[in-house]
PDB file of N, CA and C in Angstrom:
ATOM      1  N   MET A   1     -36.660  10.308  16.362  1.00  0.00           N
ATOM      2  CA  MET A   1     -35.292  10.416  15.817  1.00  0.00           C
ATOM      3  C   MET A   1     -34.646  11.700  16.382  1.00  0.00           C
ATOM      4  N   LYS A   2     -33.441  11.538  16.929  1.00  0.00           N
ATOM      5  CA  LYS A   2     -32.750  12.675  17.498  1.00  0.00           C
ATOM      6  C   LYS A   2     -32.093  13.482  16.393  1.00  0.00           C
ATOM      7  N   GLN A   3     -32.008  14.792  16.626  1.00  0.00           N
ATOM      8  CA  GLN A   3     -31.331  15.663  15.697  1.00  0.00           C
ATOM      9  C   GLN A   3     -30.125  16.265  16.344  1.00  0.00           C
ATOM     10  N   ILE A   4     -29.159  16.611  15.557  1.00  0.00           N
ATOM     11  CA  ILE A   4     -27.953  17.308  16.118  1.00  0.00           C
ATOM     12  C   ILE A   4     -28.343  18.750  16.303  1.00  0.00           C
ATOM     13  N   LEU A   5     -28.029  19.264  17.520  1.00  0.00           N
ATOM     14  CA  LEU A   5     -28.358  20.635  17.833  1.00  0.00           C
ATOM     15  C   LEU A   5     -27.365  21.588  17.169  1.00  0.00           C
ATOM     16  N   LYS A   6     -27.863  22.717  16.707  1.00  0.00           N
ATOM     17  CA  LYS A   6     -26.996  23.729  16.185  1.00  0.00           C
ATOM     18  C   LYS A   6     -26.326  24.497  17.339  1.00  0.00           C
ATOM     19  N   HIS A   7     -25.214  25.148  16.988  1.00  0.00           N
ATOM     20  CA  HIS A   7     -24.470  25.884  18.033  1.00  0.00           C
ATOM     21  C   HIS A   7     -25.328  26.828  18.825  1.00  0.00           C
ATOM     22  N   GLN A   8     -26.237  27.506  18.218  1.00  0.00           N
ATOM     23  CA  GLN A   8     -27.058  28.523  18.900  1.00  0.00           C
ATOM     24  C   GLN A   8     -28.053  27.866  19.858  1.00  0.00           C
ATOM     25  N   GLN A   9     -28.383  26.581  19.618  1.00  0.00           N
ATOM     26  CA  GLN A   9     -29.367  25.897  20.468  1.00  0.00           C
ATOM     27  C   GLN A   9     -28.707  25.309  21.718  1.00  0.00           C
ATOM     28  N   LEU A  10     -27.472  25.281  21.817  1.00  0.00           N
ATOM     29  CA  LEU A  10     -26.766  24.652  22.996  1.00  0.00           C
ATOM     30  C   LEU A  10     -26.584  25.700  24.056  1.00  0.00           C
ATOM     31  N   ASP A  11     -26.697  25.214  25.298  1.00  0.00           N
ATOM     32  CA  ASP A  11     -26.345  26.138  26.361  1.00  0.00           C
ATOM     33  C   ASP A  11     -24.855  26.204  26.519  1.00  0.00           C
ATOM     34  N   GLU A  12     -24.356  27.190  27.282  1.00  0.00           N
ATOM     35  CA  GLU A  12     -22.928  27.515  27.414  1.00  0.00           C
ATOM     36  C   GLU A  12     -22.105  26.307  27.830  1.00  0.00           C
ATOM     37  N   ARG A  13     -22.657  25.436  28.649  1.00  0.00           N
ATOM     38  CA  ARG A  13     -21.835  24.246  29.154  1.00  0.00           C
ATOM     39  C   ARG A  13     -21.565  23.292  28.048  1.00  0.00           C
ATOM     40  N   ASN A  14     -22.402  23.190  27.029  1.00  0.00           N
ATOM     41  CA  ASN A  14     -22.204  22.098  26.017  1.00  0.00           C
ATOM     42  C   ASN A  14     -21.559  22.662  24.732  1.00  0.00           C
ATOM     43  N   ARG A  15     -21.410  23.971  24.617  1.00  0.00           N
ATOM     44  CA  ARG A  15     -20.872  24.475  23.291  1.00  0.00           C
ATOM     45  C   ARG A  15     -19.424  23.935  23.012  1.00  0.00           C
ATOM     46  N   ASN A  16     -18.616  23.942  24.039  1.00  0.00           N
ATOM     47  CA  ASN A  16     -17.193  23.472  23.825  1.00  0.00           C
ATOM     48  C   ASN A  16     -17.188  21.987  23.458  1.00  0.00           C
ATOM     49  N   LEU A  17     -17.992  21.210  24.117  1.00  0.00           N
ATOM     50  CA  LEU A  17     -18.056  19.802  23.830  1.00  0.00           C
ATOM     51  C   LEU A  17     -18.562  19.570  22.378  1.00  0.00           C
ATOM     52  N   ASN A  18     -19.505  20.277  21.959  1.00  0.00           N
ATOM     53  CA  ASN A  18     -20.048  20.181  20.635  1.00  0.00           C
ATOM     54  C   ASN A  18     -18.949  20.547  19.598  1.00  0.00           C
ATOM     55  N   ASP A  19     -18.204  21.599  19.844  1.00  0.00           N
ATOM     56  CA  ASP A  19     -17.134  22.026  18.964  1.00  0.00           C
ATOM     57  C   ASP A  19     -16.074  20.958  18.910  1.00  0.00           C
ATOM     58  N   TYR A  20     -15.786  20.334  20.060  1.00  0.00           N
ATOM     59  CA  TYR A  20     -14.787  19.216  20.113  1.00  0.00           C
ATOM     60  C   TYR A  20     -15.227  18.035  19.264  1.00  0.00           C
ATOM     61  N   MET A  21     -16.504  17.679  19.376  1.00  0.00           N
ATOM     62  CA  MET A  21     -17.024  16.561  18.572  1.00  0.00           C
ATOM     63  C   MET A  21     -17.004  16.931  17.045  1.00  0.00           C
ATOM     64  N   ILE A  22     -17.297  18.151  16.692  1.00  0.00           N
ATOM     65  CA  ILE A  22     -17.264  18.551  15.321  1.00  0.00           C
ATOM     66  C   ILE A  22     -15.828  18.487  14.787  1.00  0.00           C
ATOM     67  N   ASP A  23     -14.850  18.862  15.618  1.00  0.00           N
ATOM     68  CA  ASP A  23     -13.458  18.775  15.178  1.00  0.00           C
ATOM     69  C   ASP A  23     -13.114  17.277  14.927  1.00  0.00           C
ATOM     70  N   ILE A  24     -13.538  16.409  15.727  1.00  0.00           N
ATOM     71  CA  ILE A  24     -13.265  14.954  15.534  1.00  0.00           C
ATOM     72  C   ILE A  24     -13.832  14.499  14.219  1.00  0.00           C
ATOM     73  N   VAL A  25     -15.115  14.886  13.916  1.00  0.00           N
ATOM     74  CA  VAL A  25     -15.718  14.518  12.659  1.00  0.00           C
ATOM     75  C   VAL A  25     -14.957  15.094  11.468  1.00  0.00           C
ATOM     76  N   ASN A  26     -14.563  16.354  11.613  1.00  0.00           N
ATOM     77  CA  ASN A  26     -13.856  17.057  10.527  1.00  0.00           C
ATOM     78  C   ASN A  26     -12.505  16.470  10.282  1.00  0.00           C
ATOM     79  N   GLU A  27     -11.846  15.874  11.270  1.00  0.00           N
ATOM     80  CA  GLU A  27     -10.568  15.316  11.110  1.00  0.00           C
ATOM     81  C   GLU A  27     -10.631  13.881  10.500  1.00  0.00           C
ATOM     82  N   GLY A  28     -11.787  13.376  10.287  1.00  0.00           N
ATOM     83  CA  GLY A  28     -11.892  12.050   9.676  1.00  0.00           C
ATOM     84  C   GLY A  28     -12.559  11.014  10.620  1.00  0.00           C
ATOM     85  N   GLY A  29     -12.981  11.404  11.763  1.00  0.00           N
ATOM     86  CA  GLY A  29     -13.652  10.492  12.698  1.00  0.00           C
ATOM     87  C   GLY A  29     -12.788  10.077  13.818  1.00  0.00           C
ATOM     88  N   TRP A  30     -13.310   9.198  14.651  1.00  0.00           N
ATOM     89  CA  TRP A  30     -12.639   8.801  15.857  1.00  0.00           C
ATOM     90  C   TRP A  30     -11.343   7.965  15.541  1.00  0.00           C
ATOM     91  N   ALA A  31     -11.503   7.101  14.508  1.00  0.00           N
ATOM     92  CA  ALA A  31     -10.364   6.193  14.194  1.00  0.00           C
ATOM     93  C   ALA A  31      -9.154   7.068  13.703  1.00  0.00           C
ATOM     94  N   ALA A  32      -9.413   8.109  12.933  1.00  0.00           N
ATOM     95  CA  ALA A  32      -8.298   8.984  12.473  1.00  0.00           C
ATOM     96  C   ALA A  32      -7.708   9.737  13.686  1.00  0.00           C
ATOM     97  N   ARG A  33      -8.475  10.134  14.595  1.00  0.00           N
ATOM     98  CA  ARG A  33      -7.950  10.856  15.847  1.00  0.00           C
ATOM     99  C   ARG A  33      -7.136   9.886  16.685  1.00  0.00           C
ATOM    100  N   ALA A  34      -7.607   8.606  16.822  1.00  0.00           N
ATOM    101  CA  ALA A  34      -6.872   7.659  17.600  1.00  0.00           C
ATOM    102  C   ALA A  34      -5.550   7.253  16.895  1.00  0.00           C
ATOM    103  N   ARG A  35      -5.544   7.178  15.607  1.00  0.00           N
ATOM    104  CA  ARG A  35      -4.329   6.829  14.874  1.00  0.00           C
ATOM    105  C   ARG A  35      -3.307   7.997  15.030  1.00  0.00           C
ATOM    106  N   LYS A  36      -3.775   9.247  14.996  1.00  0.00           N
ATOM    107  CA  LYS A  36      -2.916  10.391  15.168  1.00  0.00           C
ATOM    108  C   LYS A  36      -2.281  10.363  16.562  1.00  0.00           C
ATOM    109  N   HIS A  37      -3.046  10.016  17.511  1.00  0.00           N
ATOM    110  CA  HIS A  37      -2.547   9.950  18.943  1.00  0.00           C
ATOM    111  C   HIS A  37      -1.541   8.828  19.092  1.00  0.00           C
ATOM    112  N   GLU A  38      -1.899   7.737  18.484  1.00  0.00           N
ATOM    113  CA  GLU A  38      -0.981   6.524  18.510  1.00  0.00           C
ATOM    114  C   GLU A  38       0.358   6.850  17.843  1.00  0.00           C
ATOM    115  N   ASP A  39       0.306   7.598  16.709  1.00  0.00           N
ATOM    116  CA  ASP A  39       1.528   7.963  16.024  1.00  0.00           C
ATOM    117  C   ASP A  39       2.389   8.885  16.868  1.00  0.00           C
ATOM    118  N   ALA A  40       1.776   9.795  17.611  1.00  0.00           N
ATOM    119  CA  ALA A  40       2.518  10.715  18.481  1.00  0.00           C
ATOM    120  C   ALA A  40       3.157   9.900  19.637  1.00  0.00           C
ATOM    121  N   CYS A  41       2.421   8.965  20.156  1.00  0.00           N
ATOM    122  CA  CYS A  41       2.993   8.079  21.240  1.00  0.00           C
ATOM    123  C   CYS A  41       4.092   7.238  20.700  1.00  0.00           C
ATOM    124  N   LEU A  42       4.021   6.740  19.463  1.00  0.00           N
ATOM    125  CA  LEU A  42       5.099   5.932  18.837  1.00  0.00           C
ATOM    126  C   LEU A  42       6.365   6.820  18.715  1.00  0.00           C
ATOM    127  N   ARG A  43       6.218   8.047  18.340  1.00  0.00           N
ATOM    128  CA  ARG A  43       7.422   8.916  18.219  1.00  0.00           C
ATOM    129  C   ARG A  43       8.091   9.084  19.593  1.00  0.00           C
ATOM    130  N   VAL A  44       7.337   9.214  20.646  1.00  0.00           N
ATOM    131  CA  VAL A  44       7.960   9.340  21.987  1.00  0.00           C
ATOM    132  C   VAL A  44       8.709   8.053  22.313  1.00  0.00           C
ATOM    133  N   VAL A  45       8.063   6.874  22.134  1.00  0.00           N
ATOM    134  CA  VAL A  45       8.684   5.629  22.448  1.00  0.00           C
ATOM    135  C   VAL A  45       9.955   5.360  21.552  1.00  0.00           C
ATOM    136  N   SER A  46       9.883   5.763  20.381  1.00  0.00           N
ATOM    137  CA  SER A  46      11.020   5.557  19.430  1.00  0.00           C
ATOM    138  C   SER A  46      12.285   6.352  19.874  1.00  0.00           C
ATOM    139  N   ARG A  47      12.066   7.404  20.588  1.00  0.00           N
ATOM    140  CA  ARG A  47      13.196   8.206  21.086  1.00  0.00           C
ATOM    141  C   ARG A  47      13.864   7.588  22.334  1.00  0.00           C
ATOM    142  N   CYS A  48      13.128   6.742  22.989  1.00  0.00           N
ATOM    143  CA  CYS A  48      13.625   6.136  24.249  1.00  0.00           C
ATOM    144  C   CYS A  48      14.628   5.004  24.051  1.00  0.00           C
ATOM    145  N   ALA A  49      14.312   4.185  23.104  1.00  0.00           N
ATOM    146  CA  ALA A  49      15.177   2.984  22.868  1.00  0.00           C
ATOM    147  C   ALA A  49      14.889   2.441  21.470  1.00  0.00           C
ATOM    148  N   PRO A  50      15.899   1.931  20.876  1.00  0.00           N
ATOM    149  CA  PRO A  50      15.694   1.269  19.560  1.00  0.00           C
ATOM    150  C   PRO A  50      14.982  -0.057  19.682  1.00  0.00           C
ATOM    151  N   LEU A  51      13.721  -0.097  19.441  1.00  0.00           N
ATOM    152  CA  LEU A  51      12.916  -1.284  19.563  1.00  0.00           C
ATOM    153  C   LEU A  51      12.203  -1.572  18.275  1.00  0.00           C
ATOM    154  N   PRO A  52      11.915  -2.884  18.042  1.00  0.00           N
ATOM    155  CA  PRO A  52      11.088  -3.194  16.859  1.00  0.00           C
ATOM    156  C   PRO A  52       9.723  -2.561  16.959  1.00  0.00           C
ATOM    157  N   ARG A  53       9.135  -2.306  15.784  1.00  0.00           N
ATOM    158  CA  ARG A  53       7.832  -1.616  15.734  1.00  0.00           C
ATOM    159  C   ARG A  53       6.762  -2.387  16.519  1.00  0.00           C
ATOM    160  N   ASP A  54       6.741  -3.692  16.438  1.00  0.00           N
ATOM    161  CA  ASP A  54       5.657  -4.414  17.159  1.00  0.00           C
ATOM    162  C   ASP A  54       5.790  -4.287  18.688  1.00  0.00           C
ATOM    163  N   VAL A  55       7.042  -4.210  19.159  1.00  0.00           N
ATOM    164  CA  VAL A  55       7.265  -3.943  20.586  1.00  0.00           C
ATOM    165  C   VAL A  55       6.811  -2.545  20.946  1.00  0.00           C
ATOM    166  N   MET A  56       7.137  -1.533  20.114  1.00  0.00           N
ATOM    167  CA  MET A  56       6.674  -0.194  20.403  1.00  0.00           C
ATOM    168  C   MET A  56       5.163  -0.138  20.380  1.00  0.00           C
ATOM    169  N   LEU A  57       4.520  -0.809  19.438  1.00  0.00           N
ATOM    170  CA  LEU A  57       3.066  -0.821  19.417  1.00  0.00           C
ATOM    171  C   LEU A  57       2.462  -1.375  20.629  1.00  0.00           C
ATOM    172  N   SER A  58       3.115  -2.415  21.138  1.00  0.00           N
ATOM    173  CA  SER A  58       2.632  -3.052  22.419  1.00  0.00           C
ATOM    174  C   SER A  58       2.736  -2.045  23.571  1.00  0.00           C
ATOM    175  N   ILE A  59       3.857  -1.354  23.666  1.00  0.00           N
ATOM    176  CA  ILE A  59       3.989  -0.290  24.706  1.00  0.00           C
ATOM    177  C   ILE A  59       2.971   0.818  24.547  1.00  0.00           C
ATOM    178  N   VAL A  60       2.782   1.222  23.321  1.00  0.00           N
ATOM    179  CA  VAL A  60       1.836   2.343  23.056  1.00  0.00           C
ATOM    180  C   VAL A  60       0.407   1.936  23.331  1.00  0.00           C
ATOM    181  N   SER A  61       0.090   0.642  23.172  1.00  0.00           N
ATOM    182  CA  SER A  61      -1.274   0.195  23.416  1.00  0.00           C
ATOM    183  C   SER A  61      -1.751   0.508  24.839  1.00  0.00           C
ATOM    184  N   TYR A  62      -0.855   0.691  25.747  1.00  0.00           N
ATOM    185  CA  TYR A  62      -1.200   1.115  27.112  1.00  0.00           C
ATOM    186  C   TYR A  62      -1.562   2.580  27.199  1.00  0.00           C
ATOM    187  N   TRP A  63      -1.063   3.354  26.217  1.00  0.00           N
ATOM    188  CA  TRP A  63      -1.365   4.784  26.293  1.00  0.00           C
ATOM    189  C   TRP A  63      -2.456   5.212  25.291  1.00  0.00           C
ATOM    190  N   SER A  64      -2.538   4.536  24.213  1.00  0.00           N
ATOM    191  CA  SER A  64      -3.370   5.017  23.051  1.00  0.00           C
ATOM    192  C   SER A  64      -4.808   4.353  23.215  1.00  0.00           C
ATOM    193  N   LEU A  65      -5.747   5.170  22.830  1.00  0.00           N
ATOM    194  CA  LEU A  65      -7.121   4.684  22.809  1.00  0.00           C
ATOM    195  C   LEU A  65      -7.287   3.692  21.700  1.00  0.00           C
ATOM    196  N   PRO A  66      -8.138   2.662  21.892  1.00  0.00           N
ATOM    197  CA  PRO A  66      -8.328   1.647  20.810  1.00  0.00           C
ATOM    198  C   PRO A  66      -9.093   2.321  19.652  1.00  0.00           C
ATOM    199  N   HIS A  67      -8.808   1.856  18.451  1.00  0.00           N
ATOM    200  CA  HIS A  67      -9.626   2.315  17.297  1.00  0.00           C
ATOM    201  C   HIS A  67      -9.983   1.171  16.430  1.00  0.00           C
TER     202      HIS A  67
END
């Protein structure tokens, strides 16, 4: 069984990645981060043209990571 390494056990190259992953977990996981990104993309699209939400979601699906 693998264990999660503590910050002190990581070499310099992996510390930032580890902190990034911890941030994702603390924000509610990958799905929460993807929704946050999708919402930001929707705000950009909504400023471009008055479109129905389903059309904007279709456009954003090209930019946003799946969740």
